[in-house]
Amino acid sequence: QDVITVAPTGVGKTLMFWVPLLFTGNVVMTVITALNSLGDQNVKELNMLGLTCINVTGQNMSDELFKVSASLLQH
């Protein structure tokens, strides 16, 4: 199903991307955010829920980061 959401900042639009993470087994999901700070916030909150996640930005993108990410898929 396609969904279009128009809502102001801070009302929880990102939650619709989180729901599949909470109810799906060992999967990888990519969520693209427009702001690095929102990505950092998502990582912090998802880690508190026990989900392993990373925020890839232009500042931290490296071969090593992708190797670590790939190793997480094998666990």
PDB file of N, CA and C in Angstrom:
ATOM      1  N   GLN A   1       0.831  -1.174   0.000  1.00  0.00           N
ATOM      2  CA  GLN A   1       0.000   0.000   0.000  1.00  0.00           C
ATOM      3  C   GLN A   1       0.883   1.247   0.000  1.00  0.00           C
ATOM      4  N   ASP A   2       0.516   2.234  -0.757  1.00  0.00           N
ATOM      5  CA  ASP A   2       1.214   3.512  -0.751  1.00  0.00           C
ATOM      6  C   ASP A   2       0.550   4.440   0.242  1.00  0.00           C
ATOM      7  N   VAL A   3       1.368   5.224   0.928  1.00  0.00           N
ATOM      8  CA  VAL A   3       0.852   6.173   1.906  1.00  0.00           C
ATOM      9  C   VAL A   3       1.548   7.499   1.689  1.00  0.00           C
ATOM     10  N   ILE A   4       0.798   8.561   1.671  1.00  0.00           N
ATOM     11  CA  ILE A   4       1.360   9.910   1.615  1.00  0.00           C
ATOM     12  C   ILE A   4       0.978  10.599   2.914  1.00  0.00           C
ATOM     13  N   THR A   5       1.968  11.137   3.609  1.00  0.00           N
ATOM     14  CA  THR A   5       1.713  11.812   4.876  1.00  0.00           C
ATOM     15  C   THR A   5       2.221  13.238   4.792  1.00  0.00           C
ATOM     16  N   VAL A   6       1.372  14.162   5.134  1.00  0.00           N
ATOM     17  CA  VAL A   6       1.752  15.564   5.232  1.00  0.00           C
ATOM     18  C   VAL A   6       1.436  15.986   6.654  1.00  0.00           C
ATOM     19  N   ALA A   7       2.483  16.280   7.419  1.00  0.00           N
ATOM     20  CA  ALA A   7       2.291  16.636   8.818  1.00  0.00           C
ATOM     21  C   ALA A   7       3.452  17.523   9.259  1.00  0.00           C
ATOM     22  N   PRO A   8       3.243  18.344  10.264  1.00  0.00           N
ATOM     23  CA  PRO A   8       4.302  19.236  10.718  1.00  0.00           C
ATOM     24  C   PRO A   8       5.435  18.491  11.420  1.00  0.00           C
ATOM     25  N   THR A   9       6.550  19.154  11.569  1.00  0.00           N
ATOM     26  CA  THR A   9       7.719  18.601  12.244  1.00  0.00           C
ATOM     27  C   THR A   9       7.372  18.227  13.679  1.00  0.00           C
ATOM     28  N   GLY A  10       7.860  17.053  14.088  1.00  0.00           N
ATOM     29  CA  GLY A  10       7.732  16.643  15.477  1.00  0.00           C
ATOM     30  C   GLY A  10       6.487  15.855  15.836  1.00  0.00           C
ATOM     31  N   VAL A  11       5.678  15.464  14.853  1.00  0.00           N
ATOM     32  CA  VAL A  11       4.460  14.728  15.186  1.00  0.00           C
ATOM     33  C   VAL A  11       4.612  13.214  15.055  1.00  0.00           C
ATOM     34  N   GLY A  12       5.788  12.732  14.681  1.00  0.00           N
ATOM     35  CA  GLY A  12       6.036  11.295  14.671  1.00  0.00           C
ATOM     36  C   GLY A  12       5.931  10.612  13.324  1.00  0.00           C
ATOM     37  N   LYS A  13       6.183  11.317  12.249  1.00  0.00           N
ATOM     38  CA  LYS A  13       6.101  10.694  10.914  1.00  0.00           C
ATOM     39  C   LYS A  13       7.096   9.555  10.760  1.00  0.00           C
ATOM     40  N   THR A  14       8.242   9.652  11.397  1.00  0.00           N
ATOM     41  CA  THR A  14       9.273   8.625  11.277  1.00  0.00           C
ATOM     42  C   THR A  14       8.809   7.291  11.849  1.00  0.00           C
ATOM     43  N   LEU A  15       7.849   7.309  12.748  1.00  0.00           N
ATOM     44  CA  LEU A  15       7.360   6.082  13.361  1.00  0.00           C
ATOM     45  C   LEU A  15       6.879   5.081  12.332  1.00  0.00           C
ATOM     46  N   MET A  16       6.328   5.546  11.220  1.00  0.00           N
ATOM     47  CA  MET A  16       5.827   4.599  10.214  1.00  0.00           C
ATOM     48  C   MET A  16       6.964   3.772   9.613  1.00  0.00           C
ATOM     49  N   PHE A  17       8.208   4.268   9.673  1.00  0.00           N
ATOM     50  CA  PHE A  17       9.348   3.486   9.199  1.00  0.00           C
ATOM     51  C   PHE A  17       9.832   2.519  10.269  1.00  0.00           C
ATOM     52  N   TRP A  18       9.598   2.846  11.522  1.00  0.00           N
ATOM     53  CA  TRP A  18      10.053   2.009  12.617  1.00  0.00           C
ATOM     54  C   TRP A  18       9.186   0.783  12.824  1.00  0.00           C
ATOM     55  N   VAL A  19       7.905   0.875  12.579  1.00  0.00           N
ATOM     56  CA  VAL A  19       6.980  -0.216  12.882  1.00  0.00           C
ATOM     57  C   VAL A  19       7.422  -1.543  12.262  1.00  0.00           C
ATOM     58  N   PRO A  20       7.802  -1.589  10.972  1.00  0.00           N
ATOM     59  CA  PRO A  20       8.270  -2.875  10.428  1.00  0.00           C
ATOM     60  C   PRO A  20       9.507  -3.416  11.145  1.00  0.00           C
ATOM     61  N   LEU A  21      10.374  -2.550  11.647  1.00  0.00           N
ATOM     62  CA  LEU A  21      11.550  -3.005  12.385  1.00  0.00           C
ATOM     63  C   LEU A  21      11.152  -3.715  13.668  1.00  0.00           C
ATOM     64  N   LEU A  22      10.099  -3.253  14.286  1.00  0.00           N
ATOM     65  CA  LEU A  22       9.680  -3.813  15.563  1.00  0.00           C
ATOM     66  C   LEU A  22       8.993  -5.162  15.422  1.00  0.00           C
ATOM     67  N   PHE A  23       8.432  -5.447  14.240  1.00  0.00           N
ATOM     68  CA  PHE A  23       7.648  -6.662  14.061  1.00  0.00           C
ATOM     69  C   PHE A  23       8.221  -7.626  13.030  1.00  0.00           C
ATOM     70  N   THR A  24       9.425  -7.359  12.545  1.00  0.00           N
ATOM     71  CA  THR A  24      10.048  -8.208  11.545  1.00  0.00           C
ATOM     72  C   THR A  24      11.307  -8.812  12.143  1.00  0.00           C
ATOM     73  N   GLY A  25      11.603 -10.018  11.751  1.00  0.00           N
ATOM     74  CA  GLY A  25      12.783 -10.710  12.267  1.00  0.00           C
ATOM     75  C   GLY A  25      14.076 -10.090  11.778  1.00  0.00           C
ATOM     76  N   ASN A  26      15.073 -10.866  11.641  1.00  0.00           N
ATOM     77  CA  ASN A  26      16.433 -10.464  11.300  1.00  0.00           C
ATOM     78  C   ASN A  26      16.485  -9.885   9.878  1.00  0.00           C
ATOM     79  N   VAL A  27      16.241  -8.593   9.749  1.00  0.00           N
ATOM     80  CA  VAL A  27      16.226  -7.921   8.448  1.00  0.00           C
ATOM     81  C   VAL A  27      17.068  -6.654   8.515  1.00  0.00           C
ATOM     82  N   VAL A  28      17.362  -6.131   7.357  1.00  0.00           N
ATOM     83  CA  VAL A  28      18.044  -4.846   7.250  1.00  0.00           C
ATOM     84  C   VAL A  28      17.076  -3.888   6.589  1.00  0.00           C
ATOM     85  N   MET A  29      16.931  -2.731   7.164  1.00  0.00           N
ATOM     86  CA  MET A  29      16.056  -1.719   6.600  1.00  0.00           C
ATOM     87  C   MET A  29      16.837  -0.420   6.489  1.00  0.00           C
ATOM     88  N   THR A  30      16.641   0.276   5.388  1.00  0.00           N
ATOM     89  CA  THR A  30      17.282   1.561   5.171  1.00  0.00           C
ATOM     90  C   THR A  30      16.229   2.650   5.298  1.00  0.00           C
ATOM     91  N   VAL A  31      16.494   3.607   6.184  1.00  0.00           N
ATOM     92  CA  VAL A  31      15.626   4.766   6.341  1.00  0.00           C
ATOM     93  C   VAL A  31      16.458   5.988   6.012  1.00  0.00           C
ATOM     94  N   ILE A  32      16.017   6.769   5.053  1.00  0.00           N
ATOM     95  CA  ILE A  32      16.754   7.962   4.640  1.00  0.00           C
ATOM     96  C   ILE A  32      16.097   9.179   5.272  1.00  0.00           C
ATOM     97  N   THR A  33      16.898   9.965   5.969  1.00  0.00           N
ATOM     98  CA  THR A  33      16.387  11.180   6.595  1.00  0.00           C
ATOM     99  C   THR A  33      17.034  12.399   5.941  1.00  0.00           C
ATOM    100  N   ALA A  34      16.330  13.491   5.994  1.00  0.00           N
ATOM    101  CA  ALA A  34      16.834  14.724   5.380  1.00  0.00           C
ATOM    102  C   ALA A  34      17.856  15.436   6.262  1.00  0.00           C
ATOM    103  N   LEU A  35      17.876  15.117   7.529  1.00  0.00           N
ATOM    104  CA  LEU A  35      18.765  15.801   8.464  1.00  0.00           C
ATOM    105  C   LEU A  35      19.635  14.803   9.207  1.00  0.00           C
ATOM    106  N   ASN A  36      20.934  15.089   9.309  1.00  0.00           N
ATOM    107  CA  ASN A  36      21.824  14.210  10.068  1.00  0.00           C
ATOM    108  C   ASN A  36      21.393  14.120  11.521  1.00  0.00           C
ATOM    109  N   SER A  37      20.924  15.223  12.078  1.00  0.00           N
ATOM    110  CA  SER A  37      20.510  15.211  13.481  1.00  0.00           C
ATOM    111  C   SER A  37      19.314  14.291  13.696  1.00  0.00           C
ATOM    112  N   LEU A  38      18.413  14.203  12.729  1.00  0.00           N
ATOM    113  CA  LEU A  38      17.281  13.280  12.833  1.00  0.00           C
ATOM    114  C   LEU A  38      17.780  11.836  12.770  1.00  0.00           C
ATOM    115  N   GLY A  39      18.755  11.580  11.917  1.00  0.00           N
ATOM    116  CA  GLY A  39      19.356  10.246  11.862  1.00  0.00           C
ATOM    117  C   GLY A  39      19.992   9.873  13.178  1.00  0.00           C
ATOM    118  N   ASP A  40      20.718  10.808  13.797  1.00  0.00           N
ATOM    119  CA  ASP A  40      21.333  10.556  15.105  1.00  0.00           C
ATOM    120  C   ASP A  40      20.271  10.274  16.161  1.00  0.00           C
ATOM    121  N   GLN A  41      19.185  11.036  16.125  1.00  0.00           N
ATOM    122  CA  GLN A  41      18.088  10.836  17.074  1.00  0.00           C
ATOM    123  C   GLN A  41      17.456   9.464  16.876  1.00  0.00           C
ATOM    124  N   ASN A  42      17.252   9.063  15.627  1.00  0.00           N
ATOM    125  CA  ASN A  42      16.685   7.743  15.350  1.00  0.00           C
ATOM    126  C   ASN A  42      17.564   6.632  15.903  1.00  0.00           C
ATOM    127  N   VAL A  43      18.879   6.745  15.688  1.00  0.00           N
ATOM    128  CA  VAL A  43      19.814   5.736  16.196  1.00  0.00           C
ATOM    129  C   VAL A  43      19.707   5.633  17.711  1.00  0.00           C
ATOM    130  N   LYS A  44      19.716   6.763  18.384  1.00  0.00           N
ATOM    131  CA  LYS A  44      19.650   6.769  19.843  1.00  0.00           C
ATOM    132  C   LYS A  44      18.373   6.092  20.333  1.00  0.00           C
ATOM    133  N   GLU A  45      17.240   6.455  19.751  1.00  0.00           N
ATOM    134  CA  GLU A  45      15.970   5.914  20.207  1.00  0.00           C
ATOM    135  C   GLU A  45      15.803   4.441  19.839  1.00  0.00           C
ATOM    136  N   LEU A  46      16.254   4.049  18.653  1.00  0.00           N
ATOM    137  CA  LEU A  46      16.144   2.639  18.264  1.00  0.00           C
ATOM    138  C   LEU A  46      17.088   1.763  19.079  1.00  0.00           C
ATOM    139  N   ASN A  47      18.277   2.276  19.408  1.00  0.00           N
ATOM    140  CA  ASN A  47      19.189   1.517  20.266  1.00  0.00           C
ATOM    141  C   ASN A  47      18.564   1.290  21.643  1.00  0.00           C
ATOM    142  N   MET A  48      17.818   2.288  22.141  1.00  0.00           N
ATOM    143  CA  MET A  48      17.141   2.134  23.432  1.00  0.00           C
ATOM    144  C   MET A  48      16.081   1.035  23.373  1.00  0.00           C
ATOM    145  N   LEU A  49      15.546   0.765  22.180  1.00  0.00           N
ATOM    146  CA  LEU A  49      14.573  -0.310  21.998  1.00  0.00           C
ATOM    147  C   LEU A  49      15.243  -1.657  21.736  1.00  0.00           C
ATOM    148  N   GLY A  50      16.577  -1.673  21.730  1.00  0.00           N
ATOM    149  CA  GLY A  50      17.316  -2.914  21.521  1.00  0.00           C
ATOM    150  C   GLY A  50      17.595  -3.245  20.070  1.00  0.00           C
ATOM    151  N   LEU A  51      17.401  -2.282  19.169  1.00  0.00           N
ATOM    152  CA  LEU A  51      17.670  -2.505  17.751  1.00  0.00           C
ATOM    153  C   LEU A  51      19.038  -1.933  17.394  1.00  0.00           C
ATOM    154  N   THR A  52      19.833  -2.714  16.686  1.00  0.00           N
ATOM    155  CA  THR A  52      21.143  -2.270  16.240  1.00  0.00           C
ATOM    156  C   THR A  52      20.967  -1.436  14.982  1.00  0.00           C
ATOM    157  N   CYS A  53      21.501  -0.221  14.987  1.00  0.00           N
ATOM    158  CA  CYS A  53      21.376   0.630  13.811  1.00  0.00           C
ATOM    159  C   CYS A  53      22.536   1.620  13.769  1.00  0.00           C
ATOM    160  N   ILE A  54      22.747   2.181  12.607  1.00  0.00           N
ATOM    161  CA  ILE A  54      23.790   3.185  12.408  1.00  0.00           C
ATOM    162  C   ILE A  54      23.233   4.314  11.556  1.00  0.00           C
ATOM    163  N   ASN A  55      23.845   5.466  11.690  1.00  0.00           N
ATOM    164  CA  ASN A  55      23.517   6.621  10.863  1.00  0.00           C
ATOM    165  C   ASN A  55      24.722   6.873   9.968  1.00  0.00           C
ATOM    166  N   VAL A  56      24.579   6.624   8.694  1.00  0.00           N
ATOM    167  CA  VAL A  56      25.676   6.820   7.741  1.00  0.00           C
ATOM    168  C   VAL A  56      25.550   8.226   7.170  1.00  0.00           C
ATOM    169  N   THR A  57      26.620   8.998   7.323  1.00  0.00           N
ATOM    170  CA  THR A  57      26.658  10.368   6.806  1.00  0.00           C
ATOM    171  C   THR A  57      27.922  10.536   5.969  1.00  0.00           C
ATOM    172  N   GLY A  58      28.026  11.652   5.317  1.00  0.00           N
ATOM    173  CA  GLY A  58      29.230  11.951   4.551  1.00  0.00           C
ATOM    174  C   GLY A  58      30.465  12.025   5.431  1.00  0.00           C
ATOM    175  N   GLN A  59      30.269  12.356   6.713  1.00  0.00           N
ATOM    176  CA  GLN A  59      31.400  12.482   7.627  1.00  0.00           C
ATOM    177  C   GLN A  59      31.923  11.141   8.129  1.00  0.00           C
ATOM    178  N   ASN A  60      31.054  10.134   8.246  1.00  0.00           N
ATOM    179  CA  ASN A  60      31.534   8.865   8.797  1.00  0.00           C
ATOM    180  C   ASN A  60      31.549   7.717   7.787  1.00  0.00           C
ATOM    181  N   MET A  61      31.157   7.971   6.557  1.00  0.00           N
ATOM    182  CA  MET A  61      31.117   6.918   5.542  1.00  0.00           C
ATOM    183  C   MET A  61      32.540   6.462   5.207  1.00  0.00           C
ATOM    184  N   SER A  62      32.765   5.161   5.283  1.00  0.00           N
ATOM    185  CA  SER A  62      34.082   4.601   4.981  1.00  0.00           C
ATOM    186  C   SER A  62      33.929   3.121   4.649  1.00  0.00           C
ATOM    187  N   ASP A  63      34.966   2.546   4.072  1.00  0.00           N
ATOM    188  CA  ASP A  63      34.960   1.107   3.803  1.00  0.00           C
ATOM    189  C   ASP A  63      34.802   0.322   5.094  1.00  0.00           C
ATOM    190  N   GLU A  64      35.459   0.784   6.160  1.00  0.00           N
ATOM    191  CA  GLU A  64      35.394   0.095   7.446  1.00  0.00           C
ATOM    192  C   GLU A  64      33.960   0.082   7.985  1.00  0.00           C
ATOM    193  N   LEU A  65      33.252   1.192   7.861  1.00  0.00           N
ATOM    194  CA  LEU A  65      31.865   1.250   8.324  1.00  0.00           C
ATOM    195  C   LEU A  65      30.997   0.238   7.583  1.00  0.00           C
ATOM    196  N   PHE A  66      31.199   0.107   6.276  1.00  0.00           N
ATOM    197  CA  PHE A  66      30.418  -0.850   5.508  1.00  0.00           C
ATOM    198  C   PHE A  66      30.800  -2.283   5.850  1.00  0.00           C
ATOM    199  N   LYS A  67      32.061  -2.535   6.205  1.00  0.00           N
ATOM    200  CA  LYS A  67      32.469  -3.872   6.637  1.00  0.00           C
ATOM    201  C   LYS A  67      31.803  -4.230   7.960  1.00  0.00           C
ATOM    202  N   VAL A  68      31.761  -3.281   8.883  1.00  0.00           N
ATOM    203  CA  VAL A  68      31.093  -3.517  10.163  1.00  0.00           C
ATOM    204  C   VAL A  68      29.612  -3.774   9.935  1.00  0.00           C
ATOM    205  N   SER A  69      29.001  -2.999   9.068  1.00  0.00           N
ATOM    206  CA  SER A  69      27.583  -3.185   8.744  1.00  0.00           C
ATOM    207  C   SER A  69      27.333  -4.574   8.161  1.00  0.00           C
ATOM    208  N   ALA A  70      28.182  -5.003   7.265  1.00  0.00           N
ATOM    209  CA  ALA A  70      28.037  -6.327   6.658  1.00  0.00           C
ATOM    210  C   ALA A  70      28.181  -7.429   7.709  1.00  0.00           C
ATOM    211  N   SER A  71      29.077  -7.244   8.662  1.00  0.00           N
ATOM    212  CA  SER A  71      29.258  -8.260   9.706  1.00  0.00           C
ATOM    213  C   SER A  71      28.017  -8.371  10.577  1.00  0.00           C
ATOM    214  N   LEU A  72      27.279  -7.279  10.762  1.00  0.00           N
ATOM    215  CA  LEU A  72      26.054  -7.338  11.558  1.00  0.00           C
ATOM    216  C   LEU A  72      25.000  -8.200  10.882  1.00  0.00           C
ATOM    217  N   LEU A  73      25.023  -8.264   9.567  1.00  0.00           N
ATOM    218  CA  LEU A  73      24.045  -9.062   8.825  1.00  0.00           C
ATOM    219  C   LEU A  73      24.234 -10.551   9.065  1.00  0.00           C
ATOM    220  N   GLN A  74      25.438 -10.950   9.430  1.00  0.00           N
ATOM    221  CA  GLN A  74      25.752 -12.365   9.582  1.00  0.00           C
ATOM    222  C   GLN A  74      25.433 -12.878  10.983  1.00  0.00           C
ATOM    223  N   HIS A  75      24.952 -12.027  11.856  1.00  0.00           N
ATOM    224  CA  HIS A  75      24.653 -12.455  13.231  1.00  0.00           C
ATOM    225  C   HIS A  75      23.199 -12.710  13.428  1.00  0.00           C
TER     226      HIS A  75
END
